[in-house]
Amino acid sequence: MITIEVRNNNADKAIKMLKKKVNAEGTLKDCRDKQFYEKPTDKRRRKKAQAIRRIERNIEKLYDEKEKNY
């Protein structure tokens, strides 16, 4: 359960803190994921594609860092 305390009637700051906590906890992502049924095969395919993108991004970062050092 997320609780946010509003101080000095500063609602904008409280909303910003709430958004940050909800994002960190992953609540919003879970809601979006569970909004519609997703077949198990589609889940596996999506997760595999995400993993491949993440790995490729990390490899690119590695090569970029090596190029900067030379």
C-alpha atoms as a PDB file:
ATOM      1  CA  MET A   1       0.000   0.000   0.000  1.00  0.00           C
ATOM      2  CA  ILE A   2       1.401   3.346  -1.046  1.00  0.00           C
ATOM      3  CA  THR A   3       0.845   6.337   1.204  1.00  0.00           C
ATOM      4  CA  ILE A   4       1.758   9.912   0.363  1.00  0.00           C
ATOM      5  CA  GLU A   5       1.661  12.760   2.854  1.00  0.00           C
ATOM      6  CA  VAL A   6       0.708  16.169   1.458  1.00  0.00           C
ATOM      7  CA  ARG A   7       2.725  18.898   3.125  1.00  0.00           C
ATOM      8  CA  ASN A   8       1.899  22.612   3.036  1.00  0.00           C
ATOM      9  CA  ASN A   9      -0.976  22.014   0.593  1.00  0.00           C
ATOM     10  CA  ASN A  10       1.569  21.203  -2.130  1.00  0.00           C
ATOM     11  CA  ALA A  11      -0.498  18.782  -4.217  1.00  0.00           C
ATOM     12  CA  ASP A  12       1.794  18.966  -7.261  1.00  0.00           C
ATOM     13  CA  LYS A  13       4.767  17.646  -5.310  1.00  0.00           C
ATOM     14  CA  ALA A  14       2.590  14.932  -3.734  1.00  0.00           C
ATOM     15  CA  ILE A  15       1.387  13.781  -7.172  1.00  0.00           C
ATOM     16  CA  LYS A  16       4.970  13.698  -8.425  1.00  0.00           C
ATOM     17  CA  MET A  17       5.995  11.556  -5.429  1.00  0.00           C
ATOM     18  CA  LEU A  18       3.009   9.255  -5.968  1.00  0.00           C
ATOM     19  CA  LYS A  19       3.868   8.734  -9.635  1.00  0.00           C
ATOM     20  CA  LYS A  20       7.478   7.959  -8.735  1.00  0.00           C
ATOM     21  CA  LYS A  21       6.450   5.383  -6.092  1.00  0.00           C
ATOM     22  CA  VAL A  22       3.862   3.736  -8.355  1.00  0.00           C
ATOM     23  CA  ASN A  23       6.414   3.498 -11.162  1.00  0.00           C
ATOM     24  CA  ALA A  24       9.082   2.049  -8.862  1.00  0.00           C
ATOM     25  CA  GLU A  25       6.676  -0.532  -7.478  1.00  0.00           C
ATOM     26  CA  GLY A  26       5.484  -1.549 -10.946  1.00  0.00           C
ATOM     27  CA  THR A  27       1.802  -1.242 -10.099  1.00  0.00           C
ATOM     28  CA  LEU A  28       0.840   0.546 -13.291  1.00  0.00           C
ATOM     29  CA  LYS A  29       2.734  -1.922 -15.484  1.00  0.00           C
ATOM     30  CA  ASP A  30       0.973  -4.849 -13.809  1.00  0.00           C
ATOM     31  CA  CYS A  31      -2.415  -3.244 -14.411  1.00  0.00           C
ATOM     32  CA  ARG A  32      -1.636  -2.744 -18.097  1.00  0.00           C
ATOM     33  CA  ASP A  33      -0.341  -6.289 -18.459  1.00  0.00           C
ATOM     34  CA  LYS A  34      -3.389  -7.835 -16.780  1.00  0.00           C
ATOM     35  CA  GLN A  35      -5.929  -5.658 -18.582  1.00  0.00           C
ATOM     36  CA  PHE A  36      -6.324  -8.254 -21.355  1.00  0.00           C
ATOM     37  CA  TYR A  37      -5.634 -11.966 -21.447  1.00  0.00           C
ATOM     38  CA  GLU A  38      -2.362 -12.879 -23.091  1.00  0.00           C
ATOM     39  CA  LYS A  39      -1.706 -16.416 -24.249  1.00  0.00           C
ATOM     40  CA  PRO A  40       1.257 -18.142 -22.586  1.00  0.00           C
ATOM     41  CA  THR A  41       2.992 -18.533 -25.967  1.00  0.00           C
ATOM     42  CA  ASP A  42       2.591 -14.801 -26.639  1.00  0.00           C
ATOM     43  CA  LYS A  43       4.004 -14.016 -23.186  1.00  0.00           C
ATOM     44  CA  ARG A  44       7.057 -16.162 -23.842  1.00  0.00           C
ATOM     45  CA  ARG A  45       7.541 -14.590 -27.271  1.00  0.00           C
ATOM     46  CA  ARG A  46       7.253 -11.046 -25.865  1.00  0.00           C
ATOM     47  CA  LYS A  47       9.633 -11.740 -22.980  1.00  0.00           C
ATOM     48  CA  LYS A  48      12.162 -13.351 -25.306  1.00  0.00           C
ATOM     49  CA  ALA A  49      12.029 -10.350 -27.655  1.00  0.00           C
ATOM     50  CA  GLN A  50      12.504  -7.988 -24.700  1.00  0.00           C
ATOM     51  CA  ALA A  51      15.504  -9.998 -23.515  1.00  0.00           C
ATOM     52  CA  ILE A  52      17.084  -9.893 -26.972  1.00  0.00           C
ATOM     53  CA  ARG A  53      16.603  -6.110 -27.185  1.00  0.00           C
ATOM     54  CA  ARG A  54      18.070  -5.666 -23.704  1.00  0.00           C
ATOM     55  CA  ILE A  55      21.115  -7.804 -24.550  1.00  0.00           C
ATOM     56  CA  GLU A  56      21.716  -5.967 -27.838  1.00  0.00           C
ATOM     57  CA  ARG A  57      21.475  -2.624 -26.051  1.00  0.00           C
ATOM     58  CA  ASN A  58      24.015  -3.759 -23.452  1.00  0.00           C
ATOM     59  CA  ILE A  59      26.391  -4.980 -26.159  1.00  0.00           C
ATOM     60  CA  GLU A  60      26.138  -1.636 -27.968  1.00  0.00           C
ATOM     61  CA  LYS A  61      26.898   0.211 -24.736  1.00  0.00           C
ATOM     62  CA  LEU A  62      29.906  -2.026 -24.156  1.00  0.00           C
ATOM     63  CA  TYR A  63      31.344  -1.313 -27.605  1.00  0.00           C
ATOM     64  CA  ASP A  64      30.671   2.420 -27.256  1.00  0.00           C
ATOM     65  CA  GLU A  65      32.550   2.498 -23.946  1.00  0.00           C
ATOM     66  CA  LYS A  66      35.505   0.626 -25.478  1.00  0.00           C
ATOM     67  CA  GLU A  67      35.634   3.088 -28.399  1.00  0.00           C
ATOM     68  CA  LYS A  68      35.664   6.055 -26.025  1.00  0.00           C
ATOM     69  CA  ASN A  69      38.628   4.603 -24.130  1.00  0.00           C
ATOM     70  CA  TYR A  70      40.789   4.377 -27.257  1.00  0.00           C
END
